[in-house]
PDB file of N, CA and C in Angstrom:
ATOM      1  N   UNK A   1     108.399 118.604  74.306  1.00  0.00           N
ATOM      2  CA  UNK A   1     108.155 117.849  75.319  1.00  0.00           C
ATOM      3  C   UNK A   1     107.518 116.152  74.860  1.00  0.00           C
ATOM      4  N   UNK A   2     107.718 115.490  75.874  1.00  0.00           N
ATOM      5  CA  UNK A   2     107.454 113.994  75.902  1.00  0.00           C
ATOM      6  C   UNK A   2     105.922 113.986  75.927  1.00  0.00           C
ATOM      7  N   UNK A   3     105.400 113.395  74.989  1.00  0.00           N
ATOM      8  CA  UNK A   3     103.687 112.984  74.998  1.00  0.00           C
ATOM      9  C   UNK A   3     103.676 111.520  75.483  1.00  0.00           C
ATOM     10  N   UNK A   4     102.750 111.429  76.126  1.00  0.00           N
ATOM     11  CA  UNK A   4     102.334 109.579  76.654  1.00  0.00           C
ATOM     12  C   UNK A   4     100.582 109.598  76.349  1.00  0.00           C
ATOM     13  N   UNK A   5     100.372 108.240  75.779  1.00  0.00           N
ATOM     14  CA  UNK A   5      99.580 108.128  75.489  1.00  0.00           C
ATOM     15  C   UNK A   5      98.675 107.847  76.289  1.00  0.00           C
ATOM     16  N   UNK A   6      97.078 108.200  76.535  1.00  0.00           N
ATOM     17  CA  UNK A   6      96.265 108.485  77.511  1.00  0.00           C
ATOM     18  C   UNK A   6      96.049 107.365  78.348  1.00  0.00           C
ATOM     19  N   UNK A   7      96.761 106.446  77.646  1.00  0.00           N
ATOM     20  CA  UNK A   7      96.074 105.168  78.284  1.00  0.00           C
ATOM     21  C   UNK A   7      97.105 104.918  79.988  1.00  0.00           C
ATOM     22  N   UNK A   8      98.252 105.518  79.522  1.00  0.00           N
ATOM     23  CA  UNK A   8      98.913 105.805  80.339  1.00  0.00           C
ATOM     24  C   UNK A   8      98.895 106.872  81.938  1.00  0.00           C
ATOM     25  N   UNK A   9      97.498 107.828  81.646  1.00  0.00           N
ATOM     26  CA  UNK A   9      97.306 108.963  82.384  1.00  0.00           C
ATOM     27  C   UNK A   9      97.096 108.355  83.976  1.00  0.00           C
ATOM     28  N   UNK A  10      96.631 106.997  84.321  1.00  0.00           N
ATOM     29  CA  UNK A  10      96.891 106.614  85.843  1.00  0.00           C
ATOM     30  C   UNK A  10      97.736 106.617  86.271  1.00  0.00           C
ATOM     31  N   UNK A  11      98.875 105.426  85.788  1.00  0.00           N
ATOM     32  CA  UNK A  11     100.096 105.743  86.279  1.00  0.00           C
ATOM     33  C   UNK A  11     100.956 106.631  86.017  1.00  0.00           C
ATOM     34  N   UNK A  12     100.593 107.403  84.912  1.00  0.00           N
ATOM     35  CA  UNK A  12     101.356 108.839  85.329  1.00  0.00           C
ATOM     36  C   UNK A  12     101.206 110.017  86.437  1.00  0.00           C
ATOM     37  N   UNK A  13      99.580 109.804  86.704  1.00  0.00           N
ATOM     38  CA  UNK A  13      98.949 110.763  87.985  1.00  0.00           C
ATOM     39  C   UNK A  13      99.859 110.375  89.448  1.00  0.00           C
ATOM     40  N   UNK A  14      99.406 108.972  89.147  1.00  0.00           N
ATOM     41  CA  UNK A  14      99.753 108.331  90.214  1.00  0.00           C
ATOM     42  C   UNK A  14     101.630 108.417  91.041  1.00  0.00           C
ATOM     43  N   UNK A  15     102.064 108.611  89.649  1.00  0.00           N
ATOM     44  CA  UNK A  15     103.604 108.400  90.181  1.00  0.00           C
ATOM     45  C   UNK A  15     103.830 110.026  90.260  1.00  0.00           C
ATOM     46  N   UNK A  16     103.270 111.124  89.395  1.00  0.00           N
ATOM     47  CA  UNK A  16     103.630 112.250  89.647  1.00  0.00           C
ATOM     48  C   UNK A  16     103.214 112.691  91.363  1.00  0.00           C
ATOM     49  N   UNK A  17     101.913 112.648  91.833  1.00  0.00           N
ATOM     50  CA  UNK A  17     101.515 112.771  93.027  1.00  0.00           C
ATOM     51  C   UNK A  17     101.960 112.502  93.686  1.00  0.00           C
ATOM     52  N   UNK A  18     102.490 110.736  93.961  1.00  0.00           N
ATOM     53  CA  UNK A  18     103.651 110.141  94.790  1.00  0.00           C
ATOM     54  C   UNK A  18     104.758 110.694  95.149  1.00  0.00           C
ATOM     55  N   UNK A  19     105.297 111.417  94.003  1.00  0.00           N
ATOM     56  CA  UNK A  19     106.697 112.103  94.196  1.00  0.00           C
ATOM     57  C   UNK A  19     106.530 112.604  94.863  1.00  0.00           C
ATOM     58  N   UNK A  20     105.438 113.763  94.633  1.00  0.00           N
ATOM     59  CA  UNK A  20     105.213 114.974  95.491  1.00  0.00           C
ATOM     60  C   UNK A  20     104.951 114.713  96.482  1.00  0.00           C
ATOM     61  N   UNK A  21     103.881 114.233  96.667  1.00  0.00           N
ATOM     62  CA  UNK A  21     103.313 114.081  98.429  1.00  0.00           C
ATOM     63  C   UNK A  21     104.053 113.467  99.178  1.00  0.00           C
ATOM     64  N   UNK A  22     105.331 112.262  98.757  1.00  0.00           N
ATOM     65  CA  UNK A  22     105.903 111.794  99.977  1.00  0.00           C
ATOM     66  C   UNK A  22     106.823 112.582 100.289  1.00  0.00           C
ATOM     67  N   UNK A  23     106.946 113.329  99.133  1.00  0.00           N
ATOM     68  CA  UNK A  23     108.405 114.274  99.395  1.00  0.00           C
ATOM     69  C   UNK A  23     108.430 115.175 100.624  1.00  0.00           C
ATOM     70  N   UNK A  24     107.151 115.806  99.906  1.00  0.00           N
ATOM     71  CA  UNK A  24     106.745 116.736 101.550  1.00  0.00           C
ATOM     72  C   UNK A  24     106.243 116.282 102.242  1.00  0.00           C
ATOM     73  N   UNK A  25     105.893 114.966 102.536  1.00  0.00           N
ATOM     74  CA  UNK A  25     105.212 114.286 103.925  1.00  0.00           C
ATOM     75  C   UNK A  25     106.639 113.710 104.708  1.00  0.00           C
ATOM     76  N   UNK A  26     107.405 113.526 104.060  1.00  0.00           N
ATOM     77  CA  UNK A  26     108.595 112.944 104.817  1.00  0.00           C
ATOM     78  C   UNK A  26     109.150 113.872 105.174  1.00  0.00           C
ATOM     79  N   UNK A  27     109.163 114.829 104.144  1.00  0.00           N
ATOM     80  CA  UNK A  27     110.400 116.371 104.810  1.00  0.00           C
ATOM     81  C   UNK A  27     109.409 116.796 106.122  1.00  0.00           C
ATOM     82  N   UNK A  28     108.086 117.014 106.421  1.00  0.00           N
ATOM     83  CA  UNK A  28     107.642 117.593 107.553  1.00  0.00           C
ATOM     84  C   UNK A  28     107.881 116.414 108.540  1.00  0.00           C
ATOM     85  N   UNK A  29     107.741 115.303 108.552  1.00  0.00           N
ATOM     86  CA  UNK A  29     107.712 114.108 109.464  1.00  0.00           C
ATOM     87  C   UNK A  29     109.250 114.398 110.128  1.00  0.00           C
ATOM     88  N   UNK A  30     109.886 114.438 109.065  1.00  0.00           N
ATOM     89  CA  UNK A  30     111.614 114.217 109.201  1.00  0.00           C
ATOM     90  C   UNK A  30     112.142 115.386 110.285  1.00  0.00           C
ATOM     91  N   UNK A  31     111.765 116.462 110.118  1.00  0.00           N
ATOM     92  CA  UNK A  31     111.472 117.942 110.753  1.00  0.00           C
ATOM     93  C   UNK A  31     110.982 118.064 112.286  1.00  0.00           C
ATOM     94  N   UNK A  32     109.484 117.304 111.930  1.00  0.00           N
ATOM     95  CA  UNK A  32     109.219 117.383 112.914  1.00  0.00           C
ATOM     96  C   UNK A  32     109.931 116.687 114.346  1.00  0.00           C
ATOM     97  N   UNK A  33     110.445 115.449 113.742  1.00  0.00           N
ATOM     98  CA  UNK A  33     111.258 114.454 114.366  1.00  0.00           C
ATOM     99  C   UNK A  33     112.472 114.636 115.192  1.00  0.00           C
ATOM    100  N   UNK A  34     112.796 115.039 114.067  1.00  0.00           N
ATOM    101  CA  UNK A  34     114.299 116.037 114.558  1.00  0.00           C
ATOM    102  C   UNK A  34     115.247 117.278 114.622  1.00  0.00           C
ATOM    103  N   UNK A  35     114.713 117.753 113.544  1.00  0.00           N
ATOM    104  CA  UNK A  35     114.425 119.120 113.247  1.00  0.00           C
ATOM    105  C   UNK A  35     115.854 118.816 111.965  1.00  0.00           C
ATOM    106  N   UNK A  36     116.640 120.061 112.013  1.00  0.00           N
ATOM    107  CA  UNK A  36     117.830 120.328 110.842  1.00  0.00           C
ATOM    108  C   UNK A  36     118.813 119.476 111.818  1.00  0.00           C
ATOM    109  N   UNK A  37     119.055 118.654 112.162  1.00  0.00           N
ATOM    110  CA  UNK A  37     119.993 118.190 113.149  1.00  0.00           C
ATOM    111  C   UNK A  37     121.057 117.267 111.609  1.00  0.00           C
ATOM    112  N   UNK A  38     122.154 117.167 112.564  1.00  0.00           N
ATOM    113  CA  UNK A  38     123.509 116.338 111.431  1.00  0.00           C
ATOM    114  C   UNK A  38     122.765 115.380 111.052  1.00  0.00           C
ATOM    115  N   UNK A  39     123.440 114.946 109.406  1.00  0.00           N
ATOM    116  CA  UNK A  39     122.510 113.673 108.712  1.00  0.00           C
ATOM    117  C   UNK A  39     120.768 113.949 108.341  1.00  0.00           C
ATOM    118  N   UNK A  40     120.658 114.868 108.358  1.00  0.00           N
ATOM    119  CA  UNK A  40     119.317 115.055 107.942  1.00  0.00           C
ATOM    120  C   UNK A  40     118.740 114.688 106.609  1.00  0.00           C
ATOM    121  N   UNK A  41     119.621 115.442 105.752  1.00  0.00           N
ATOM    122  CA  UNK A  41     119.471 115.105 104.385  1.00  0.00           C
ATOM    123  C   UNK A  41     119.320 113.622 104.247  1.00  0.00           C
ATOM    124  N   UNK A  42     120.134 112.704 104.903  1.00  0.00           N
ATOM    125  CA  UNK A  42     120.603 111.366 104.099  1.00  0.00           C
ATOM    126  C   UNK A  42     118.892 110.383 104.896  1.00  0.00           C
ATOM    127  N   UNK A  43     118.758 110.934 106.144  1.00  0.00           N
ATOM    128  CA  UNK A  43     117.368 110.739 107.003  1.00  0.00           C
ATOM    129  C   UNK A  43     116.544 110.878 106.380  1.00  0.00           C
ATOM    130  N   UNK A  44     116.229 111.998 105.803  1.00  0.00           N
ATOM    131  CA  UNK A  44     114.926 112.898 105.041  1.00  0.00           C
ATOM    132  C   UNK A  44     114.688 111.897 103.852  1.00  0.00           C
ATOM    133  N   UNK A  45     116.081 111.226 102.718  1.00  0.00           N
ATOM    134  CA  UNK A  45     115.971 110.781 101.997  1.00  0.00           C
ATOM    135  C   UNK A  45     115.855 109.484 102.166  1.00  0.00           C
ATOM    136  N   UNK A  46     115.821 108.760 103.033  1.00  0.00           N
ATOM    137  CA  UNK A  46     115.827 107.273 103.269  1.00  0.00           C
ATOM    138  C   UNK A  46     114.170 107.195 103.928  1.00  0.00           C
ATOM    139  N   UNK A  47     113.380 108.293 104.635  1.00  0.00           N
ATOM    140  CA  UNK A  47     111.831 108.475 104.569  1.00  0.00           C
ATOM    141  C   UNK A  47     111.565 108.327 103.669  1.00  0.00           C
ATOM    142  N   UNK A  48     112.100 109.076 102.436  1.00  0.00           N
ATOM    143  CA  UNK A  48     111.000 109.807 101.241  1.00  0.00           C
ATOM    144  C   UNK A  48     111.257 108.546 100.713  1.00  0.00           C
ATOM    145  N   UNK A  49     112.135 107.375 100.530  1.00  0.00           N
ATOM    146  CA  UNK A  49     112.631 106.229  99.808  1.00  0.00           C
ATOM    147  C   UNK A  49     110.906 105.321 100.292  1.00  0.00           C
ATOM    148  N   UNK A  50     111.449 105.268 100.900  1.00  0.00           N
ATOM    149  CA  UNK A  50     110.508 104.504 102.063  1.00  0.00           C
ATOM    150  C   UNK A  50     108.881 104.416 102.361  1.00  0.00           C
ATOM    151  N   UNK A  51     108.626 105.704 102.098  1.00  0.00           N
ATOM    152  CA  UNK A  51     107.266 106.802 101.774  1.00  0.00           C
ATOM    153  C   UNK A  51     106.603 106.153 100.595  1.00  0.00           C
ATOM    154  N   UNK A  52     107.626 106.361  99.283  1.00  0.00           N
ATOM    155  CA  UNK A  52     107.453 106.005  98.050  1.00  0.00           C
ATOM    156  C   UNK A  52     106.893 104.911  97.405  1.00  0.00           C
ATOM    157  N   UNK A  53     107.787 103.882  98.369  1.00  0.00           N
ATOM    158  CA  UNK A  53     108.003 102.614  98.021  1.00  0.00           C
ATOM    159  C   UNK A  53     106.173 101.938  98.828  1.00  0.00           C
ATOM    160  N   UNK A  54     105.557 102.554  99.876  1.00  0.00           N
ATOM    161  CA  UNK A  54     104.470 101.895 100.243  1.00  0.00           C
ATOM    162  C   UNK A  54     103.030 103.189  99.729  1.00  0.00           C
ATOM    163  N   UNK A  55     103.639 104.402  99.208  1.00  0.00           N
ATOM    164  CA  UNK A  55     102.341 104.956  98.898  1.00  0.00           C
ATOM    165  C   UNK A  55     101.967 104.731  97.552  1.00  0.00           C
ATOM    166  N   UNK A  56     103.017 104.133  96.752  1.00  0.00           N
ATOM    167  CA  UNK A  56     103.206 104.095  94.866  1.00  0.00           C
ATOM    168  C   UNK A  56     101.561 103.262  94.860  1.00  0.00           C
ATOM    169  N   UNK A  57     102.326 101.735  95.395  1.00  0.00           N
ATOM    170  CA  UNK A  57     101.514 100.688  95.320  1.00  0.00           C
ATOM    171  C   UNK A  57      99.862 100.776  95.952  1.00  0.00           C
ATOM    172  N   UNK A  58      99.882 101.530  97.062  1.00  0.00           N
ATOM    173  CA  UNK A  58      98.357 101.976  97.821  1.00  0.00           C
ATOM    174  C   UNK A  58      97.647 103.170  96.780  1.00  0.00           C
ATOM    175  N   UNK A  59      98.803 103.599  96.066  1.00  0.00           N
ATOM    176  CA  UNK A  59      98.136 105.068  95.540  1.00  0.00           C
ATOM    177  C   UNK A  59      97.068 104.197  94.190  1.00  0.00           C
ATOM    178  N   UNK A  60      97.987 103.367  93.788  1.00  0.00           N
ATOM    179  CA  UNK A  60      97.360 102.508  92.514  1.00  0.00           C
ATOM    180  C   UNK A  60      96.530 101.840  92.713  1.00  0.00           C
ATOM    181  N   UNK A  61      96.227 101.581  94.080  1.00  0.00           N
ATOM    182  CA  UNK A  61      94.768 100.464  94.104  1.00  0.00           C
ATOM    183  C   UNK A  61      93.958 101.586  94.259  1.00  0.00           C
ATOM    184  N   UNK A  62      93.859 102.314  95.220  1.00  0.00           N
ATOM    185  CA  UNK A  62      92.861 103.423  95.926  1.00  0.00           C
ATOM    186  C   UNK A  62      92.164 104.807  94.525  1.00  0.00           C
ATOM    187  N   UNK A  63      93.219 105.167  93.882  1.00  0.00           N
ATOM    188  CA  UNK A  63      93.275 106.650  93.218  1.00  0.00           C
ATOM    189  C   UNK A  63      91.813 105.855  91.969  1.00  0.00           C
ATOM    190  N   UNK A  64      91.583 104.700  91.502  1.00  0.00           N
ATOM    191  CA  UNK A  64      90.462 104.181  90.994  1.00  0.00           C
ATOM    192  C   UNK A  64      89.204 104.082  91.334  1.00  0.00           C
ATOM    193  N   UNK A  65      89.437 103.601  92.389  1.00  0.00           N
ATOM    194  CA  UNK A  65      88.088 103.278  93.376  1.00  0.00           C
ATOM    195  C   UNK A  65      87.423 104.585  93.942  1.00  0.00           C
ATOM    196  N   UNK A  66      88.695 106.028  93.927  1.00  0.00           N
ATOM    197  CA  UNK A  66      88.479 107.084  94.557  1.00  0.00           C
ATOM    198  C   UNK A  66      87.757 107.798  93.208  1.00  0.00           C
ATOM    199  N   UNK A  67      88.215 107.870  92.078  1.00  0.00           N
ATOM    200  CA  UNK A  67      87.471 108.195  90.966  1.00  0.00           C
ATOM    201  C   UNK A  67      86.246 107.866  90.884  1.00  0.00           C
ATOM    202  N   UNK A  68      85.644 106.549  90.825  1.00  0.00           N
ATOM    203  CA  UNK A  68      84.435 106.106  90.630  1.00  0.00           C
ATOM    204  C   UNK A  68      83.718 106.445  92.103  1.00  0.00           C
ATOM    205  N   UNK A  69      84.126 106.796  93.204  1.00  0.00           N
ATOM    206  CA  UNK A  69      83.326 107.256  94.012  1.00  0.00           C
ATOM    207  C   UNK A  69      82.801 108.143  93.856  1.00  0.00           C
ATOM    208  N   UNK A  70      84.001 109.272  93.669  1.00  0.00           N
ATOM    209  CA  UNK A  70      83.463 110.796  93.391  1.00  0.00           C
ATOM    210  C   UNK A  70      82.868 110.790  91.985  1.00  0.00           C
ATOM    211  N   UNK A  71      82.820 110.418  91.051  1.00  0.00           N
ATOM    212  CA  UNK A  71      82.017 109.933  89.691  1.00  0.00           C
ATOM    213  C   UNK A  71      80.464 110.053  90.418  1.00  0.00           C
ATOM    214  N   UNK A  72      80.220 109.494  91.679  1.00  0.00           N
ATOM    215  CA  UNK A  72      78.804 108.878  91.716  1.00  0.00           C
ATOM    216  C   UNK A  72      78.378 109.650  92.229  1.00  0.00           C
ATOM    217  N   UNK A  73      79.142 110.789  93.207  1.00  0.00           N
ATOM    218  CA  UNK A  73      78.604 111.840  94.386  1.00  0.00           C
ATOM    219  C   UNK A  73      79.066 113.322  93.659  1.00  0.00           C
ATOM    220  N   UNK A  74      79.539 113.251  92.478  1.00  0.00           N
ATOM    221  CA  UNK A  74      79.045 114.359  92.243  1.00  0.00           C
ATOM    222  C   UNK A  74      78.434 114.782  90.730  1.00  0.00           C
ATOM    223  N   UNK A  75      77.723 115.705  90.203  1.00  0.00           N
ATOM    224  CA  UNK A  75      76.802 115.477  88.570  1.00  0.00           C
ATOM    225  C   UNK A  75      77.519 116.021  87.819  1.00  0.00           C
TER     226      UNK A  75
END
């Protein structure tokens, strides 16, 4: 198994989370919009790619701030 240095933990966390979340959300939205119609897979992949492109930099900005907020409101 490949092991990474802890200094990459935020980037790895965000990348894995964005990969999974954007896949699930784009799948749900694609099904809700058009069902499993002709061309479904291509439409879903395009939506997933766009979602990932928007979600990754957003998450990179939001995750550190969110961790600080959670750290302040928990014991």
